[in-house]
Protein backbone atom coordinates (compact mmCIF):
# COMPACT_ATOMS: atom_id res chain seq x y z
CA UNK A 1 0.00 0.00 0.00
CA UNK A 2 2.92 2.32 0.75
CA UNK A 3 4.30 1.80 -2.77
CA UNK A 4 0.92 2.62 -4.30
CA UNK A 5 0.72 5.84 -2.29
CA UNK A 6 4.25 6.80 -3.36
CA UNK A 7 3.42 6.07 -7.01
CA UNK A 8 0.29 8.19 -6.76
CA UNK A 9 2.29 11.12 -5.34
CA UNK A 10 4.87 10.83 -8.12
CA UNK A 11 2.20 10.80 -10.82
CA UNK A 12 0.41 13.78 -9.31
CA UNK A 13 3.60 15.84 -9.09
CA UNK A 14 4.54 14.91 -12.69
CA UNK A 15 1.09 16.03 -13.81
CA UNK A 16 1.47 19.32 -11.93
CA UNK A 17 4.83 19.95 -13.61
CA UNK A 18 3.29 19.31 -17.04
CA UNK A 19 0.44 21.75 -16.32
CA UNK A 20 2.98 24.37 -15.20
CA UNK A 21 4.97 23.94 -18.43
CA UNK A 22 1.80 24.44 -20.46
CA UNK A 23 0.90 27.55 -18.48
CA UNK A 24 4.40 28.95 -18.98
CA UNK A 25 4.21 28.39 -22.73
CA UNK A 26 0.87 30.20 -22.92
CA UNK A 27 2.33 33.10 -20.95
CA UNK A 28 5.25 33.39 -23.38
CA UNK A 29 2.90 33.32 -26.38
CA UNK A 30 0.74 36.05 -24.86
CA UNK A 31 3.81 38.15 -24.09
CA UNK A 32 5.12 37.75 -27.66
CA UNK A 33 1.71 38.71 -29.05
CA UNK A 34 1.61 41.80 -26.84
CA UNK A 35 5.08 42.86 -27.97
CA UNK A 36 3.99 42.37 -31.59
CA UNK A 37 0.94 44.58 -31.11
CA UNK A 38 3.01 47.32 -29.45
CA UNK A 39 5.56 47.24 -32.28
CA UNK A 40 2.81 47.31 -34.92
CA UNK A 41 1.19 50.31 -33.25
CA UNK A 42 4.45 52.21 -32.76
CA UNK A 43 5.92 51.56 -36.22
CA UNK A 44 3.97 54.20 -38.20
CA UNK A 45 4.86 56.95 -35.72
CA UNK A 46 8.50 55.87 -35.70
CA UNK A 47 8.61 55.80 -39.51
CA UNK A 48 7.21 59.32 -39.67
CA UNK A 49 9.73 60.59 -37.12
CA UNK A 50 12.67 59.04 -38.98
CA UNK A 51 11.47 60.39 -42.34
CA UNK A 52 11.11 63.88 -40.85
CA UNK A 53 14.56 63.72 -39.27
CA UNK A 54 16.23 62.65 -42.52
CA UNK A 55 14.29 65.32 -44.42
CA UNK A 56 15.52 67.96 -41.99
CA UNK A 57 19.12 66.75 -42.27
CA UNK A 58 18.93 66.66 -46.07
CA UNK A 59 17.52 70.20 -46.09
CA UNK A 60 20.33 71.46 -43.87
CA UNK A 61 22.99 69.83 -46.06
CA UNK A 62 21.62 71.43 -49.22
């Protein structure tokens, strides 16, 4: 009976580890998606700022 109890504990802890790995993977996917959305939203403003800066520099050179 002691061996059965030990086996049950081992299986339960292995299952908990597997659930934790799955949760961690989901967290990383959500974080990557959030970073992608932030980059996609910031890119047009950044492009405009860079274009303006290069235009200003080109105007000063000429």
